[in-house]
C-alpha atoms as a PDB file:
ATOM      1  CA  MET A   1     126.642 189.922 122.550  1.00  0.00           C
ATOM      2  CA  ALA A   2     123.183 188.430 122.474  1.00  0.00           C
ATOM      3  CA  GLN A   3     122.494 185.414 124.654  1.00  0.00           C
ATOM      4  CA  ILE A   4     122.240 182.273 122.478  1.00  0.00           C
ATOM      5  CA  PHE A   5     120.624 179.875 124.967  1.00  0.00           C
ATOM      6  CA  HIS A   6     117.695 180.620 127.230  1.00  0.00           C
ATOM      7  CA  PRO A   7     118.528 180.393 130.977  1.00  0.00           C
ATOM      8  CA  SER A   8     116.185 177.396 131.238  1.00  0.00           C
ATOM      9  CA  SER A   9     118.657 175.430 129.111  1.00  0.00           C
ATOM     10  CA  ASN A  10     120.860 175.007 132.179  1.00  0.00           C
ATOM     11  CA  THR A  11     118.055 173.282 134.052  1.00  0.00           C
ATOM     12  CA  PHE A  12     117.225 171.161 131.015  1.00  0.00           C
ATOM     13  CA  SER A  13     120.867 170.109 130.618  1.00  0.00           C
ATOM     14  CA  LYS A  14     121.163 169.071 134.269  1.00  0.00           C
ATOM     15  CA  ALA A  15     117.898 167.165 134.132  1.00  0.00           C
ATOM     16  CA  THR A  16     119.016 165.396 130.945  1.00  0.00           C
ATOM     17  CA  ILE A  17     122.370 164.386 132.428  1.00  0.00           C
ATOM     18  CA  PHE A  18     120.936 163.077 135.702  1.00  0.00           C
ATOM     19  CA  GLY A  19     117.980 161.534 133.884  1.00  0.00           C
ATOM     20  CA  GLY A  20     120.326 159.723 131.508  1.00  0.00           C
ATOM     21  CA  MET A  21     122.402 158.402 134.411  1.00  0.00           C
ATOM     22  CA  PHE A  22     119.226 157.199 136.131  1.00  0.00           C
ATOM     23  CA  ILE A  23     118.039 155.445 132.981  1.00  0.00           C
ATOM     24  CA  VAL A  24     121.406 153.724 132.481  1.00  0.00           C
ATOM     25  CA  ALA A  25     121.488 152.610 136.118  1.00  0.00           C
ATOM     26  CA  SER A  26     117.905 151.363 135.894  1.00  0.00           C
ATOM     27  CA  LEU A  27     118.657 149.376 132.741  1.00  0.00           C
ATOM     28  CA  ALA A  28     121.764 147.854 134.350  1.00  0.00           C
ATOM     29  CA  PHE A  29     119.758 146.875 137.425  1.00  0.00           C
ATOM     30  CA  ALA A  30     116.956 145.424 135.318  1.00  0.00           C
ATOM     31  CA  TRP A  31     119.415 143.401 133.221  1.00  0.00           C
ATOM     32  CA  ASP A  32     121.083 142.045 136.367  1.00  0.00           C
ATOM     33  CA  ARG A  33     117.712 140.945 137.782  1.00  0.00           C
ATOM     34  CA  ILE A  34     116.679 139.340 134.497  1.00  0.00           C
ATOM     35  CA  ASN A  35     120.056 137.602 134.182  1.00  0.00           C
ATOM     36  CA  ARG A  36     119.568 136.085 137.649  1.00  0.00           C
ATOM     37  CA  SER A  37     115.935 135.176 137.111  1.00  0.00           C
ATOM     38  CA  ALA A  38     114.647 131.630 136.671  1.00  0.00           C
ATOM     39  CA  TYR A  39     113.980 132.450 133.007  1.00  0.00           C
ATOM     40  CA  PHE A  40     117.735 132.683 132.386  1.00  0.00           C
ATOM     41  CA  THR A  41     119.165 130.373 135.075  1.00  0.00           C
ATOM     42  CA  GLN A  42     116.393 127.752 135.031  1.00  0.00           C
ATOM     43  CA  ALA A  43     116.724 127.538 138.826  1.00  0.00           C
ATOM     44  CA  ASP A  44     113.709 125.900 140.501  1.00  0.00           C
ATOM     45  CA  VAL A  45     112.279 125.019 137.088  1.00  0.00           C
ATOM     46  CA  VAL A  46     111.143 121.401 136.693  1.00  0.00           C
ATOM     47  CA  ARG A  47     111.923 120.026 133.243  1.00  0.00           C
ATOM     48  CA  ASP A  48     110.040 117.356 131.367  1.00  0.00           C
ATOM     49  CA  GLN A  49     111.551 113.883 131.632  1.00  0.00           C
ATOM     50  CA  PRO A  50     110.676 110.586 129.929  1.00  0.00           C
ATOM     51  CA  VAL A  51     109.783 109.223 133.387  1.00  0.00           C
ATOM     52  CA  PRO A  52     108.820 111.350 136.452  1.00  0.00           C
ATOM     53  CA  PHE A  53     111.663 110.083 138.629  1.00  0.00           C
ATOM     54  CA  SER A  54     111.401 111.110 142.282  1.00  0.00           C
ATOM     55  CA  HIS A  55     114.669 111.610 144.160  1.00  0.00           C
ATOM     56  CA  GLU A  56     112.611 112.219 147.294  1.00  0.00           C
ATOM     57  CA  HIS A  57     111.155 108.707 147.091  1.00  0.00           C
ATOM     58  CA  HIS A  58     114.372 106.920 146.130  1.00  0.00           C
ATOM     59  CA  VAL A  59     116.833 108.853 148.322  1.00  0.00           C
ATOM     60  CA  ARG A  60     114.873 109.749 151.445  1.00  0.00           C
ATOM     61  CA  GLY A  61     112.164 107.122 151.218  1.00  0.00           C
ATOM     62  CA  LEU A  62     114.240 104.104 150.191  1.00  0.00           C
ATOM     63  CA  GLY A  63     117.673 105.291 151.298  1.00  0.00           C
ATOM     64  CA  ILE A  64     119.368 104.582 147.975  1.00  0.00           C
ATOM     65  CA  ASP A  65     122.919 105.944 147.830  1.00  0.00           C
ATOM     66  CA  CYS A  66     123.696 108.499 145.092  1.00  0.00           C
ATOM     67  CA  ARG A  67     126.439 106.243 143.731  1.00  0.00           C
ATOM     68  CA  TYR A  68     124.028 103.428 142.940  1.00  0.00           C
ATOM     69  CA  CYS A  69     122.686 105.409 139.969  1.00  0.00           C
ATOM     70  CA  HIS A  70     125.484 107.945 139.414  1.00  0.00           C
ATOM     71  CA  THR A  71     128.236 105.368 139.195  1.00  0.00           C
ATOM     72  CA  THR A  72     131.107 107.524 137.901  1.00  0.00           C
ATOM     73  CA  VAL A  73     130.804 110.458 140.296  1.00  0.00           C
ATOM     74  CA  GLU A  74     133.963 109.462 142.199  1.00  0.00           C
ATOM     75  CA  LYS A  75     136.180 108.703 139.216  1.00  0.00           C
ATOM     76  CA  ALA A  76     135.116 110.867 136.281  1.00  0.00           C
ATOM     77  CA  ALA A  77     134.219 114.418 135.368  1.00  0.00           C
ATOM     78  CA  PHE A  78     130.650 113.376 134.595  1.00  0.00           C
ATOM     79  CA  ALA A  79     128.532 111.852 137.378  1.00  0.00           C
ATOM     80  CA  GLY A  80     126.773 109.597 134.898  1.00  0.00           C
ATOM     81  CA  LEU A  81     123.108 108.987 134.215  1.00  0.00           C
ATOM     82  CA  PRO A  82     121.833 105.526 135.119  1.00  0.00           C
ATOM     83  CA  ALA A  83     121.501 102.967 132.356  1.00  0.00           C
ATOM     84  CA  THR A  84     118.098 101.365 131.948  1.00  0.00           C
ATOM     85  CA  GLU A  85     119.572  98.151 133.344  1.00  0.00           C
ATOM     86  CA  VAL A  86     120.139  99.962 136.650  1.00  0.00           C
ATOM     87  CA  CYS A  87     116.479 100.931 136.822  1.00  0.00           C
ATOM     88  CA  MET A  88     115.363  97.439 135.894  1.00  0.00           C
ATOM     89  CA  SER A  89     117.517  95.834 138.561  1.00  0.00           C
ATOM     90  CA  CYS A  90     114.707  96.871 140.907  1.00  0.00           C
ATOM     91  CA  HIS A  91     111.753  97.445 138.624  1.00  0.00           C
ATOM     92  CA  SER A  92     111.856  94.009 137.059  1.00  0.00           C
ATOM     93  CA  GLN A  93     110.429  92.994 140.441  1.00  0.00           C
ATOM     94  CA  ILE A  94     108.906  96.171 141.874  1.00  0.00           C
ATOM     95  CA  TRP A  95     106.143  98.099 140.033  1.00  0.00           C
ATOM     96  CA  LYS A  96     107.011  95.920 137.049  1.00  0.00           C
ATOM     97  CA  ASP A  97     103.599  96.498 135.431  1.00  0.00           C
ATOM     98  CA  SER A  98     103.219 100.194 136.275  1.00  0.00           C
ATOM     99  CA  PRO A  99     102.038 102.273 133.266  1.00  0.00           C
ATOM    100  CA  MET A 100     104.300 105.099 134.448  1.00  0.00           C
ATOM    101  CA  LEU A 101     107.351 102.868 133.936  1.00  0.00           C
ATOM    102  CA  ALA A 102     106.368 101.761 130.443  1.00  0.00           C
ATOM    103  CA  PRO A 103     109.155 103.895 128.844  1.00  0.00           C
ATOM    104  CA  VAL A 104     111.705 102.137 131.072  1.00  0.00           C
ATOM    105  CA  ARG A 105     110.494  98.691 130.076  1.00  0.00           C
ATOM    106  CA  GLU A 106     110.455  99.646 126.399  1.00  0.00           C
ATOM    107  CA  SER A 107     113.984 101.034 126.665  1.00  0.00           C
ATOM    108  CA  TYR A 108     115.150  97.798 128.281  1.00  0.00           C
ATOM    109  CA  ARG A 109     113.409  95.682 125.637  1.00  0.00           C
ATOM    110  CA  SER A 110     114.682  97.669 122.643  1.00  0.00           C
ATOM    111  CA  GLY A 111     118.114  98.557 123.977  1.00  0.00           C
ATOM    112  CA  THR A 112     117.482 102.247 123.230  1.00  0.00           C
ATOM    113  CA  PRO A 113     118.610 104.477 126.132  1.00  0.00           C
ATOM    114  CA  LEU A 114     116.124 106.812 127.755  1.00  0.00           C
ATOM    115  CA  LYS A 115     116.624 110.434 126.707  1.00  0.00           C
ATOM    116  CA  TRP A 116     116.849 112.176 130.063  1.00  0.00           C
ATOM    117  CA  THR A 117     116.811 115.972 130.063  1.00  0.00           C
ATOM    118  CA  ARG A 118     119.948 117.383 131.678  1.00  0.00           C
ATOM    119  CA  VAL A 119     119.055 119.561 134.661  1.00  0.00           C
ATOM    120  CA  HIS A 120     122.572 120.638 135.679  1.00  0.00           C
ATOM    121  CA  ASP A 121     124.079 121.489 132.314  1.00  0.00           C
ATOM    122  CA  LEU A 122     126.999 123.920 132.278  1.00  0.00           C
ATOM    123  CA  PRO A 123     128.101 125.895 129.191  1.00  0.00           C
ATOM    124  CA  ASP A 124     130.799 124.350 126.994  1.00  0.00           C
ATOM    125  CA  PHE A 125     133.322 126.998 128.093  1.00  0.00           C
ATOM    126  CA  VAL A 126     133.118 125.817 131.720  1.00  0.00           C
ATOM    127  CA  TYR A 127     135.118 122.817 132.917  1.00  0.00           C
ATOM    128  CA  PHE A 128     133.662 120.950 135.880  1.00  0.00           C
ATOM    129  CA  ASN A 129     134.924 117.675 137.326  1.00  0.00           C
ATOM    130  CA  HIS A 130     132.723 115.757 139.764  1.00  0.00           C
ATOM    131  CA  SER A 131     135.492 113.474 140.970  1.00  0.00           C
ATOM    132  CA  ILE A 132     137.718 116.370 142.048  1.00  0.00           C
ATOM    133  CA  HIS A 133     134.936 117.966 144.084  1.00  0.00           C
ATOM    134  CA  VAL A 134     134.050 114.674 145.752  1.00  0.00           C
ATOM    135  CA  ALA A 135     137.702 113.956 146.553  1.00  0.00           C
ATOM    136  CA  LYS A 136     138.061 117.405 148.122  1.00  0.00           C
ATOM    137  CA  GLY A 137     135.039 116.936 150.394  1.00  0.00           C
ATOM    138  CA  ILE A 138     132.294 118.828 148.577  1.00  0.00           C
ATOM    139  CA  GLY A 139     128.956 117.143 149.199  1.00  0.00           C
ATOM    140  CA  CYS A 140     126.204 116.574 146.650  1.00  0.00           C
ATOM    141  CA  GLU A 141     123.934 118.884 148.637  1.00  0.00           C
ATOM    142  CA  SER A 142     126.261 121.868 148.166  1.00  0.00           C
ATOM    143  CA  CYS A 143     125.605 122.014 144.424  1.00  0.00           C
ATOM    144  CA  HIS A 144     122.423 120.027 143.883  1.00  0.00           C
ATOM    145  CA  GLY A 145     120.493 121.126 146.968  1.00  0.00           C
ATOM    146  CA  ARG A 146     118.158 118.925 148.980  1.00  0.00           C
ATOM    147  CA  VAL A 147     117.439 116.396 146.261  1.00  0.00           C
ATOM    148  CA  ASP A 148     116.057 114.161 149.014  1.00  0.00           C
ATOM    149  CA  GLN A 149     113.144 116.617 149.156  1.00  0.00           C
ATOM    150  CA  MET A 150     112.553 116.886 145.399  1.00  0.00           C
ATOM    151  CA  PRO A 151     109.655 114.836 144.000  1.00  0.00           C
ATOM    152  CA  LEU A 152     110.863 116.062 140.598  1.00  0.00           C
ATOM    153  CA  MET A 153     114.436 117.119 139.950  1.00  0.00           C
ATOM    154  CA  ARG A 154     115.251 120.804 139.528  1.00  0.00           C
ATOM    155  CA  ARG A 155     118.181 123.155 139.883  1.00  0.00           C
ATOM    156  CA  ALA A 156     118.551 124.429 143.410  1.00  0.00           C
ATOM    157  CA  HIS A 157     121.039 127.152 142.421  1.00  0.00           C
ATOM    158  CA  THR A 158     121.740 129.431 139.471  1.00  0.00           C
ATOM    159  CA  LEU A 159     125.038 127.722 138.469  1.00  0.00           C
ATOM    160  CA  GLN A 160     126.321 131.169 137.494  1.00  0.00           C
ATOM    161  CA  MET A 161     129.962 132.090 138.048  1.00  0.00           C
ATOM    162  CA  SER A 162     129.190 134.338 141.013  1.00  0.00           C
ATOM    163  CA  TRP A 163     127.569 131.359 142.740  1.00  0.00           C
ATOM    164  CA  CYS A 164     130.579 129.106 142.031  1.00  0.00           C
ATOM    165  CA  LEU A 165     132.929 131.756 143.406  1.00  0.00           C
ATOM    166  CA  GLU A 166     131.109 131.726 146.754  1.00  0.00           C
ATOM    167  CA  CYS A 167     132.578 128.274 147.338  1.00  0.00           C
ATOM    168  CA  HIS A 168     135.874 128.823 145.540  1.00  0.00           C
ATOM    169  CA  GLY A 169     136.465 131.962 147.580  1.00  0.00           C
ATOM    170  CA  HIS A 170     135.547 130.384 150.924  1.00  0.00           C
ATOM    171  CA  PRO A 171     135.880 126.588 150.643  1.00  0.00           C
ATOM    172  CA  GLU A 172     136.069 126.190 154.424  1.00  0.00           C
ATOM    173  CA  GLN A 173     132.369 127.061 154.586  1.00  0.00           C
ATOM    174  CA  PHE A 174     131.377 124.202 152.285  1.00  0.00           C
ATOM    175  CA  VAL A 175     133.907 121.376 152.616  1.00  0.00           C
ATOM    176  CA  ARG A 176     132.835 118.423 154.763  1.00  0.00           C
ATOM    177  CA  ASP A 177     134.207 115.108 155.950  1.00  0.00           C
ATOM    178  CA  ARG A 178     134.387 112.646 153.070  1.00  0.00           C
ATOM    179  CA  GLU A 179     132.137 110.151 154.836  1.00  0.00           C
ATOM    180  CA  GLU A 180     129.395 112.817 154.906  1.00  0.00           C
ATOM    181  CA  ILE A 181     129.523 113.743 151.214  1.00  0.00           C
ATOM    182  CA  TYR A 182     126.411 111.779 150.302  1.00  0.00           C
ATOM    183  CA  GLU A 183     124.364 112.844 153.305  1.00  0.00           C
ATOM    184  CA  PHE A 184     121.567 115.400 153.111  1.00  0.00           C
ATOM    185  CA  GLY A 185     120.336 117.796 155.779  1.00  0.00           C
ATOM    186  CA  ARG A 186     123.220 117.149 158.154  1.00  0.00           C
ATOM    187  CA  PRO A 187     123.122 119.298 161.316  1.00  0.00           C
ATOM    188  CA  ALA A 188     125.446 122.286 161.462  1.00  0.00           C
ATOM    189  CA  GLN A 189     128.516 121.952 163.659  1.00  0.00           C
ATOM    190  CA  THR A 190     129.186 124.508 166.361  1.00  0.00           C
ATOM    191  CA  ASN A 191     132.806 124.793 165.209  1.00  0.00           C
ATOM    192  CA  ALA A 192     132.016 124.445 161.511  1.00  0.00           C
ATOM    193  CA  ARG A 193     134.388 127.187 160.333  1.00  0.00           C
ATOM    194  CA  GLU A 194     137.354 125.898 162.330  1.00  0.00           C
ATOM    195  CA  HIS A 195     136.683 122.330 161.224  1.00  0.00           C
ATOM    196  CA  GLY A 196     136.317 123.487 157.615  1.00  0.00           C
ATOM    197  CA  GLN A 197     139.694 125.206 157.777  1.00  0.00           C
ATOM    198  CA  GLU A 198     141.225 121.989 159.080  1.00  0.00           C
ATOM    199  CA  LEU A 199     139.685 120.006 156.226  1.00  0.00           C
ATOM    200  CA  VAL A 200     140.936 122.516 153.655  1.00  0.00           C
ATOM    201  CA  LYS A 201     144.440 121.911 154.968  1.00  0.00           C
ATOM    202  CA  ASP A 202     144.038 118.127 155.304  1.00  0.00           C
ATOM    203  CA  TYR A 203     142.606 117.709 151.801  1.00  0.00           C
ATOM    204  CA  GLY A 204     145.299 119.891 150.228  1.00  0.00           C
ATOM    205  CA  ILE A 205     142.887 122.488 148.855  1.00  0.00           C
ATOM    206  CA  ASP A 206     144.871 125.348 147.280  1.00  0.00           C
ATOM    207  CA  THR A 207     142.698 128.381 148.025  1.00  0.00           C
ATOM    208  CA  LYS A 208     144.728 130.608 145.690  1.00  0.00           C
ATOM    209  CA  GLN A 209     144.465 128.238 142.759  1.00  0.00           C
ATOM    210  CA  LEU A 210     140.687 128.006 143.204  1.00  0.00           C
ATOM    211  CA  LEU A 211     140.368 131.632 142.090  1.00  0.00           C
ATOM    212  CA  ASP A 212     142.543 131.138 139.001  1.00  0.00           C
ATOM    213  CA  CYS A 213     140.481 131.570 135.814  1.00  0.00           C
ATOM    214  CA  GLY A 214     142.198 128.555 134.244  1.00  0.00           C
ATOM    215  CA  VAL A 215     140.708 126.198 136.844  1.00  0.00           C
ATOM    216  CA  CYS A 216     137.255 126.416 135.259  1.00  0.00           C
ATOM    217  CA  HIS A 217     137.955 127.998 131.854  1.00  0.00           C
ATOM    218  CA  ARG A 218     140.418 125.833 129.935  1.00  0.00           C
END
């Protein structure tokens, strides 16, 4: 019987199979890198705001507590954006004629709220509650980064599920004493892991429930 395929077909078939696997793997790798890039996650991207508010100046420079502006962080799912009246409680006396603060003064005069651009905005299919995290000893810095070093606010992390699971899988590495929740740049403890495990127990953190899909996807 005559040979149908040339012997070189074997080499071509092997090269095609391995080449196809390489292409698929390369595409998967490229998609993963793109999915984690700033283009998709918006991490480290500064967004336009009606007023260039500096957390570095207000938090580190003036020592203003997070709760002064984000009033509902301890009792509601949403941390809250400050009303114009909060801004004007200081700026009716300080920098009251600054051109940069003209939108704040106009908002206060007209009663129309400033339209701040959300920086930490999770998808609708993700449930996140600030008050629960604060009550369980998760500091602002763990999710929002060193806002005391941000002249303009930006995301410090990707906010992707894999990033959330780093904490949900090992809460003892992130939980802190409740009186330290609003501190930034605190020094690391020599027995941080042991102390974290104690806090997980003291605060009643259910490590098994944290990995339940229904905790975040309801």
